[in-house]
Amino acid sequence: MPEKKQDFIDQKLQDLNNDGVDRRGFLKCMAWAGTGLVWTLSGGIPVSRAFAKNSAKDAGKGSDFSFVQISDSHIGFNKPANPDVTATLQTAINKINAMPHTPDFIIHTGDLSQLSKPSEFDTLDQVLKGASAKQIYFVPGEHDMLSDNGEQYLERYGKGTKGNGWYSFDHQGVHFVGLVNVANLKAGGMGSLGHEQLEWFEDDLKGRSASTPIVLFAHIPLWTIYPDWGWGTDDSEQALSYVKRFGSVTVLNGHIHQIMQKIEGKVSFHTAMSTAFPQPAPGTAPSAGPMKVPAEQLQQVLGITDVSYLVSGKSLAIVDSPLGASGPSASANGGPGGS
């Protein structure tokens, strides 16, 4: 890749904790990994497959089903960091539609809108109608609850959910749980699940076999990344105590608009890029917020997410590709950072 772009990518990610992840190498790998991203599950175990141009025909082979995660569309945002967030969301949908095998569903991990206006949700709905996967699961971000405590969000996307929009479902032997941690933000913007939701979550998991693969998804990360910016959930430790007995747990989040990953025992955590605008790496700016980059680099810091992991305590293998990625095919069967 051009030296300028490589330098830019180098500076956008830093190793924030001692978890053995070569984030710099990982992000370099991300920059050319392919044209889109997808979860594929085989025998209930998530397995990564990048569907780059040359490997697209193999993307669905051997898998039970696949799904795609998108996040942080921020429809209605029109500042210099990205004056046309609808167009970049459409780019993400186009890449999903170009997959050789239609994913079973899409998960959107919040901040659908910028100001929770009906017109913003209308625009989002219009774009998502064009997705090849017709089933879409949502959880709200804090921006979806700005003007009415989430009433508009719940009316449109929360039918059949509990409380502020939490719910669970099963798909081909995998148990998915959508959690809401933006309804009662704590000091500094830290997420919170709350007593009622935690009780529901504990009860939801009761009676399930420890061999059941679990996928949790919420907006704000369920692990503490940078509390000074509210990048964490204050009662996540209690929630995560309920999944300790399960052999395979994957946690998907948005909110921070960049790739971060962590492994704790049998639980793997992954945050997704935004389809709208990037944010600075923790501690590299006075505060969190939209980060303006040169126009030609914007689609290199936006994207959709493919996470996979290997059981038995082995390394998490992740491939994330930005919306504007192109280049050689890639397969995420190695450890983190390998490219």
Protein backbone atom coordinates (compact mmCIF):
# COMPACT_ATOMS: atom_id res chain seq x y z
CA MET A 1 0.00 0.00 0.00
CA PRO A 2 1.20 3.61 -0.49
CA GLU A 3 3.53 4.79 2.29
CA LYS A 4 1.26 7.68 3.22
CA LYS A 5 -1.75 5.40 3.71
CA GLN A 6 0.36 2.91 5.63
CA ASP A 7 1.55 5.63 8.01
CA PHE A 8 -2.05 6.78 8.49
CA ILE A 9 -3.19 3.26 9.36
CA ASP A 10 -0.26 2.79 11.74
CA GLN A 11 -1.23 5.84 13.78
CA LYS A 12 -4.93 4.93 14.11
CA LEU A 13 -4.49 1.90 16.32
CA GLN A 14 -2.43 1.45 19.42
CA ASP A 15 -1.90 -1.46 21.76
CA LEU A 16 -3.96 -0.47 24.78
CA ASN A 17 -3.60 -3.59 26.89
CA ASN A 18 -1.23 -6.48 27.26
CA ASP A 19 -3.34 -9.13 25.58
CA GLY A 20 -0.75 -10.25 23.05
CA VAL A 21 -2.49 -8.71 20.04
CA ASP A 22 -0.37 -7.09 17.35
CA ARG A 23 -2.91 -4.40 16.53
CA ARG A 24 -0.62 -2.57 14.13
CA GLY A 25 -0.07 -5.68 12.06
CA PHE A 26 -3.72 -6.55 12.41
CA LEU A 27 -4.88 -3.21 11.06
CA LYS A 28 -2.41 -3.36 8.19
CA CYS A 29 -3.83 -6.75 7.34
CA MET A 30 -7.33 -5.30 7.57
CA ALA A 31 -6.54 -2.64 5.01
CA TRP A 32 -6.27 -5.10 2.14
CA ALA A 33 -8.26 -8.03 3.48
CA GLY A 34 -11.12 -7.95 1.01
CA THR A 35 -14.33 -6.38 -0.15
CA GLY A 36 -16.57 -7.34 2.75
CA LEU A 37 -17.00 -9.35 5.93
CA VAL A 38 -19.21 -12.10 7.23
CA TRP A 39 -19.60 -14.48 10.16
CA THR A 40 -19.84 -18.10 9.10
CA LEU A 41 -20.81 -20.75 11.62
CA SER A 42 -20.10 -24.44 11.24
CA GLY A 43 -21.33 -26.88 13.85
CA GLY A 44 -22.23 -23.91 16.01
CA ILE A 45 -18.65 -22.61 16.04
CA PRO A 46 -17.99 -19.23 14.37
CA VAL A 47 -15.33 -19.51 11.68
CA SER A 48 -13.95 -16.53 9.81
CA ARG A 49 -14.04 -16.21 6.07
CA ALA A 50 -13.10 -13.10 4.19
CA PHE A 51 -15.06 -12.79 1.00
CA ALA A 52 -12.44 -11.00 -1.00
CA LYS A 53 -12.82 -11.09 -4.76
CA ASN A 54 -10.75 -14.22 -5.34
CA SER A 55 -12.17 -16.20 -2.42
CA ALA A 56 -15.82 -15.17 -2.68
CA LYS A 57 -16.90 -18.42 -4.31
CA ASP A 58 -15.71 -20.34 -1.23
CA ALA A 59 -17.20 -18.02 1.39
CA GLY A 60 -20.18 -20.16 2.28
CA LYS A 61 -18.75 -23.66 1.85
CA GLY A 62 -18.91 -25.89 4.88
CA SER A 63 -20.82 -23.42 7.02
CA ASP A 64 -24.19 -23.90 8.66
CA PHE A 65 -25.17 -20.28 8.22
CA SER A 66 -23.71 -16.79 8.06
CA PHE A 67 -24.61 -13.31 9.25
CA VAL A 68 -23.15 -9.83 8.97
CA GLN A 69 -22.70 -7.12 11.58
CA ILE A 70 -22.97 -3.42 10.77
CA SER A 71 -22.85 -0.57 13.27
CA ASP A 72 -23.06 3.14 13.89
CA SER A 73 -24.80 4.35 10.73
CA HIS A 74 -25.56 7.76 12.31
CA ILE A 75 -28.08 8.63 9.61
CA GLY A 76 -28.60 12.39 9.77
CA PHE A 77 -24.97 13.22 10.53
CA ASN A 78 -23.63 15.71 7.96
CA LYS A 79 -20.45 17.20 9.39
CA PRO A 80 -17.06 17.27 7.60
CA ALA A 81 -16.05 13.86 9.01
CA ASN A 82 -18.58 12.41 6.52
CA PRO A 83 -21.10 14.68 4.79
CA ASP A 84 -22.98 11.72 3.26
CA VAL A 85 -23.43 8.90 5.77
CA THR A 86 -26.35 7.52 3.76
CA ALA A 87 -24.01 6.87 0.84
CA THR A 88 -21.46 5.03 2.98
CA LEU A 89 -24.21 2.90 4.54
CA GLN A 90 -25.38 2.11 1.02
CA THR A 91 -21.83 1.07 0.15
CA ALA A 92 -21.87 -1.35 3.06
CA ILE A 93 -25.20 -2.80 1.93
CA ASN A 94 -23.89 -3.14 -1.64
CA LYS A 95 -20.94 -5.16 -0.35
CA ILE A 96 -23.24 -7.41 1.65
CA ASN A 97 -25.41 -7.90 -1.43
CA ALA A 98 -22.33 -8.84 -3.46
CA MET A 99 -21.68 -11.85 -1.26
CA PRO A 100 -22.01 -15.12 -3.20
CA HIS A 101 -24.19 -16.55 -0.41
CA THR A 102 -26.92 -14.40 1.11
CA PRO A 103 -26.38 -14.12 4.88
CA ASP A 104 -29.21 -15.40 7.04
CA PHE A 105 -29.53 -12.04 8.75
CA ILE A 106 -27.84 -8.75 9.63
CA ILE A 107 -27.16 -7.48 13.15
CA HIS A 108 -27.00 -3.71 13.62
CA THR A 109 -25.28 -2.78 16.88
CA GLY A 110 -26.77 0.65 17.38
CA ASP A 111 -26.63 4.36 16.62
CA LEU A 112 -28.86 3.83 13.64
CA SER A 113 -29.59 7.56 13.68
CA GLN A 114 -27.81 10.75 14.69
CA LEU A 115 -30.65 12.51 16.53
CA SER A 116 -33.40 9.82 16.67
CA LYS A 117 -35.57 11.79 14.26
CA PRO A 118 -38.35 10.00 12.34
CA SER A 119 -36.88 11.20 9.05
CA GLU A 120 -33.52 9.63 9.93
CA PHE A 121 -35.11 6.29 10.73
CA ASP A 122 -37.09 6.57 7.48
CA THR A 123 -33.88 7.00 5.50
CA LEU A 124 -32.24 4.08 7.29
CA ASP A 125 -35.24 1.87 6.55
CA GLN A 126 -35.11 2.76 2.87
CA VAL A 127 -31.45 1.78 2.58
CA LEU A 128 -31.86 -1.43 4.56
CA LYS A 129 -34.82 -2.48 2.41
CA GLY A 130 -32.30 -3.05 -0.36
CA ALA A 131 -30.28 -5.57 1.66
CA SER A 132 -30.24 -9.14 0.37
CA ALA A 133 -30.72 -10.39 3.94
CA LYS A 134 -34.28 -9.45 4.87
CA GLN A 135 -34.05 -10.28 8.58
CA ILE A 136 -32.30 -7.54 10.53
CA TYR A 137 -31.82 -7.51 14.30
CA PHE A 138 -31.18 -4.24 16.12
CA VAL A 139 -30.07 -2.89 19.47
CA PRO A 140 -30.20 0.86 20.16
CA GLY A 141 -27.30 3.23 20.57
CA GLU A 142 -27.47 6.34 22.74
CA HIS A 143 -28.15 8.44 19.63
CA ASP A 144 -31.33 6.44 19.05
CA MET A 145 -32.70 7.59 22.42
CA LEU A 146 -31.86 11.29 22.33
CA SER A 147 -35.20 12.96 21.72
CA ASP A 148 -37.81 10.63 23.23
CA ASN A 149 -36.11 8.11 25.52
CA GLY A 150 -36.17 5.60 22.71
CA GLU A 151 -39.92 5.55 22.05
CA GLN A 152 -39.51 5.98 18.29
CA TYR A 153 -36.82 3.30 18.21
CA LEU A 154 -38.94 0.83 20.18
CA GLU A 155 -41.99 1.49 18.02
CA ARG A 156 -40.04 0.71 14.85
CA TYR A 157 -37.47 -1.88 15.90
CA GLY A 158 -38.42 -3.09 19.36
CA LYS A 159 -41.63 -5.03 18.82
CA GLY A 160 -41.66 -8.15 20.99
CA THR A 161 -38.65 -7.05 23.06
CA LYS A 162 -38.43 -6.54 26.82
CA GLY A 163 -37.84 -3.31 28.73
CA ASN A 164 -35.83 -0.85 26.65
CA GLY A 165 -35.39 -3.32 23.80
CA TRP A 166 -33.51 -6.38 25.03
CA TYR A 167 -34.33 -9.83 23.68
CA SER A 168 -32.89 -13.18 22.64
CA PHE A 169 -33.38 -15.65 19.82
CA ASP A 170 -31.99 -18.97 18.64
CA HIS A 171 -30.71 -19.77 15.19
CA GLN A 172 -29.47 -23.21 14.18
CA GLY A 173 -28.28 -24.09 17.66
CA VAL A 174 -26.68 -20.73 18.47
CA HIS A 175 -28.25 -18.52 21.16
CA PHE A 176 -28.16 -14.78 20.41
CA VAL A 177 -28.84 -12.14 23.06
CA GLY A 178 -29.37 -8.45 22.23
CA LEU A 179 -28.61 -6.28 25.27
CA VAL A 180 -29.31 -2.58 25.83
CA ASN A 181 -26.68 -0.59 27.72
CA VAL A 182 -27.51 2.95 26.57
CA ALA A 183 -30.79 3.68 28.41
CA ASN A 184 -29.21 4.77 31.68
CA LEU A 185 -25.72 6.05 31.00
CA LYS A 186 -23.45 6.52 34.00
CA ALA A 187 -20.89 9.21 34.76
CA GLY A 188 -18.71 9.97 31.75
CA GLY A 189 -21.07 8.13 29.42
CA MET A 190 -20.33 4.61 30.66
CA GLY A 191 -22.96 2.10 29.61
CA SER A 192 -25.23 0.33 32.06
CA LEU A 193 -27.45 -2.74 31.80
CA GLY A 194 -29.38 -2.28 35.04
CA HIS A 195 -30.87 -4.68 37.57
CA GLU A 196 -34.02 -5.56 35.61
CA GLN A 197 -32.16 -6.50 32.45
CA LEU A 198 -29.48 -8.42 34.35
CA GLU A 199 -32.15 -10.50 36.08
CA TRP A 200 -33.78 -11.20 32.74
CA PHE A 201 -30.44 -12.13 31.18
CA GLU A 202 -29.56 -14.55 33.97
CA ASP A 203 -32.97 -16.20 33.66
CA ASP A 204 -32.70 -16.33 29.84
CA LEU A 205 -29.55 -18.46 30.08
CA LYS A 206 -30.85 -20.87 32.70
CA GLY A 207 -31.39 -24.40 31.51
CA ARG A 208 -29.22 -23.97 28.42
CA SER A 209 -26.49 -26.48 27.87
CA ALA A 210 -22.93 -25.25 28.46
CA SER A 211 -22.13 -26.46 24.96
CA THR A 212 -24.56 -23.94 23.41
CA PRO A 213 -22.63 -21.26 21.48
CA ILE A 214 -23.59 -17.81 22.81
CA VAL A 215 -23.42 -14.55 20.85
CA LEU A 216 -24.07 -11.34 22.80
CA PHE A 217 -24.49 -8.02 21.03
CA ALA A 218 -24.92 -4.52 22.43
CA HIS A 219 -23.95 -0.99 21.47
CA ILE A 220 -21.38 0.09 24.06
CA PRO A 221 -18.58 -2.44 24.61
CA LEU A 222 -19.17 -4.97 27.38
CA TRP A 223 -15.52 -4.67 28.41
CA THR A 224 -13.80 -1.55 29.69
CA ILE A 225 -11.73 -0.03 26.91
CA TYR A 226 -11.37 3.60 27.99
CA PRO A 227 -13.55 4.78 30.89
CA ASP A 228 -12.47 8.41 30.50
CA TRP A 229 -14.51 8.45 27.29
CA GLY A 230 -17.28 6.20 28.57
CA TRP A 231 -16.05 3.27 26.48
CA GLY A 232 -17.26 0.45 28.69
CA THR A 233 -20.26 -0.85 30.66
CA ASP A 234 -20.18 -0.39 34.42
CA ASP A 235 -22.06 -3.58 35.33
CA SER A 236 -20.73 -5.79 32.53
CA GLU A 237 -18.76 -7.94 34.98
CA GLN A 238 -22.01 -9.22 36.47
CA ALA A 239 -23.47 -9.93 33.04
CA LEU A 240 -20.36 -11.79 31.92
CA SER A 241 -20.39 -13.92 35.07
CA TYR A 242 -23.55 -15.53 33.70
CA VAL A 243 -21.77 -16.85 30.59
CA LYS A 244 -18.66 -18.26 32.24
CA ARG A 245 -19.98 -21.83 32.11
CA PHE A 246 -20.44 -21.74 28.33
CA GLY A 247 -17.69 -23.07 26.11
CA SER A 248 -18.09 -20.58 23.28
CA VAL A 249 -19.06 -16.94 23.86
CA THR A 250 -18.68 -14.09 21.37
CA VAL A 251 -19.49 -10.47 22.21
CA LEU A 252 -20.14 -7.91 19.45
CA ASN A 253 -20.29 -4.17 20.05
CA GLY A 254 -20.13 -0.87 18.20
CA HIS A 255 -19.94 2.67 19.62
CA ILE A 256 -16.19 3.32 19.38
CA HIS A 257 -16.07 3.25 15.54
CA GLN A 258 -12.85 1.25 15.35
CA ILE A 259 -11.55 -2.27 15.73
CA MET A 260 -10.63 -3.48 19.17
CA GLN A 261 -10.54 -7.07 20.33
CA LYS A 262 -9.86 -8.94 23.51
CA ILE A 263 -10.02 -12.54 24.73
CA GLU A 264 -10.81 -13.50 28.31
CA GLY A 265 -10.90 -17.26 28.75
CA LYS A 266 -13.58 -18.60 26.43
CA VAL A 267 -15.09 -15.17 25.78
CA SER A 268 -13.97 -13.15 22.75
CA PHE A 269 -14.88 -9.48 22.44
CA HIS A 270 -14.94 -7.50 19.23
CA THR A 271 -15.89 -3.91 18.43
CA ALA A 272 -16.85 -2.91 14.90
CA MET A 273 -16.00 -0.05 12.62
CA SER A 274 -18.74 2.44 11.82
CA THR A 275 -20.35 2.89 8.43
CA ALA A 276 -20.45 6.66 9.12
CA PHE A 277 -17.22 8.15 10.48
CA PRO A 278 -14.13 7.11 12.44
CA GLN A 279 -13.23 8.16 15.97
CA PRO A 280 -9.75 8.67 17.41
CA ALA A 281 -7.92 5.89 19.21
CA PRO A 282 -8.42 6.13 22.98
CA GLY A 283 -6.32 8.83 24.59
CA THR A 284 -5.02 10.26 21.31
CA ALA A 285 -7.38 13.26 21.30
CA PRO A 286 -8.96 15.53 23.94
CA SER A 287 -12.23 13.61 23.64
CA ALA A 288 -14.12 11.06 21.60
CA GLY A 289 -16.03 12.26 18.55
CA PRO A 290 -16.06 12.33 14.76
CA MET A 291 -12.55 12.32 13.30
CA LYS A 292 -12.02 14.01 9.97
CA VAL A 293 -9.64 12.25 7.61
CA PRO A 294 -8.76 13.06 3.99
CA ALA A 295 -11.65 12.20 1.68
CA GLU A 296 -9.65 9.59 -0.19
CA GLN A 297 -8.97 7.77 3.09
CA LEU A 298 -12.50 7.84 4.54
CA GLN A 299 -13.59 4.45 3.26
CA GLN A 300 -10.44 2.91 4.70
CA VAL A 301 -11.66 3.65 8.24
CA LEU A 302 -15.30 2.63 7.75
CA GLY A 303 -16.49 -0.90 7.38
CA ILE A 304 -18.46 -3.99 8.30
CA THR A 305 -17.28 -6.78 10.51
CA ASP A 306 -16.21 -10.39 10.33
CA VAL A 307 -15.04 -12.00 13.55
CA SER A 308 -14.13 -15.59 14.10
CA TYR A 309 -12.48 -17.60 16.78
CA LEU A 310 -11.16 -21.05 17.52
CA VAL A 311 -12.25 -22.90 20.65
CA SER A 312 -9.97 -24.54 23.24
CA GLY A 313 -8.31 -21.29 24.18
CA LYS A 314 -6.59 -20.71 20.87
CA SER A 315 -6.12 -17.32 19.28
CA LEU A 316 -8.95 -15.22 18.00
CA ALA A 317 -8.70 -14.79 14.26
CA ILE A 318 -10.27 -11.60 12.95
CA VAL A 319 -10.51 -10.10 9.51
CA ASP A 320 -12.02 -6.65 9.16
CA SER A 321 -12.15 -4.84 5.87
CA PRO A 322 -12.95 -1.20 5.30
CA LEU A 323 -15.61 -0.19 2.81
CA GLY A 324 -13.03 0.90 0.27
CA ALA A 325 -10.78 -2.13 0.54
CA SER A 326 -9.47 -3.91 -2.50
CA GLY A 327 -6.58 -6.18 -3.19
CA PRO A 328 -5.59 -9.82 -2.72
CA SER A 329 -7.93 -12.34 -1.18
CA ALA A 330 -7.50 -13.19 2.47
CA SER A 331 -8.54 -15.96 4.79
CA ALA A 332 -8.60 -15.43 8.53
CA ASN A 333 -7.44 -18.79 9.73
CA GLY A 334 -4.30 -17.58 11.46
CA GLY A 335 -3.75 -15.71 14.70
CA PRO A 336 -4.40 -12.00 15.16
CA GLY A 337 -2.14 -9.68 13.25
CA GLY A 338 -1.04 -12.25 10.71
CA SER A 339 -1.38 -11.06 7.14
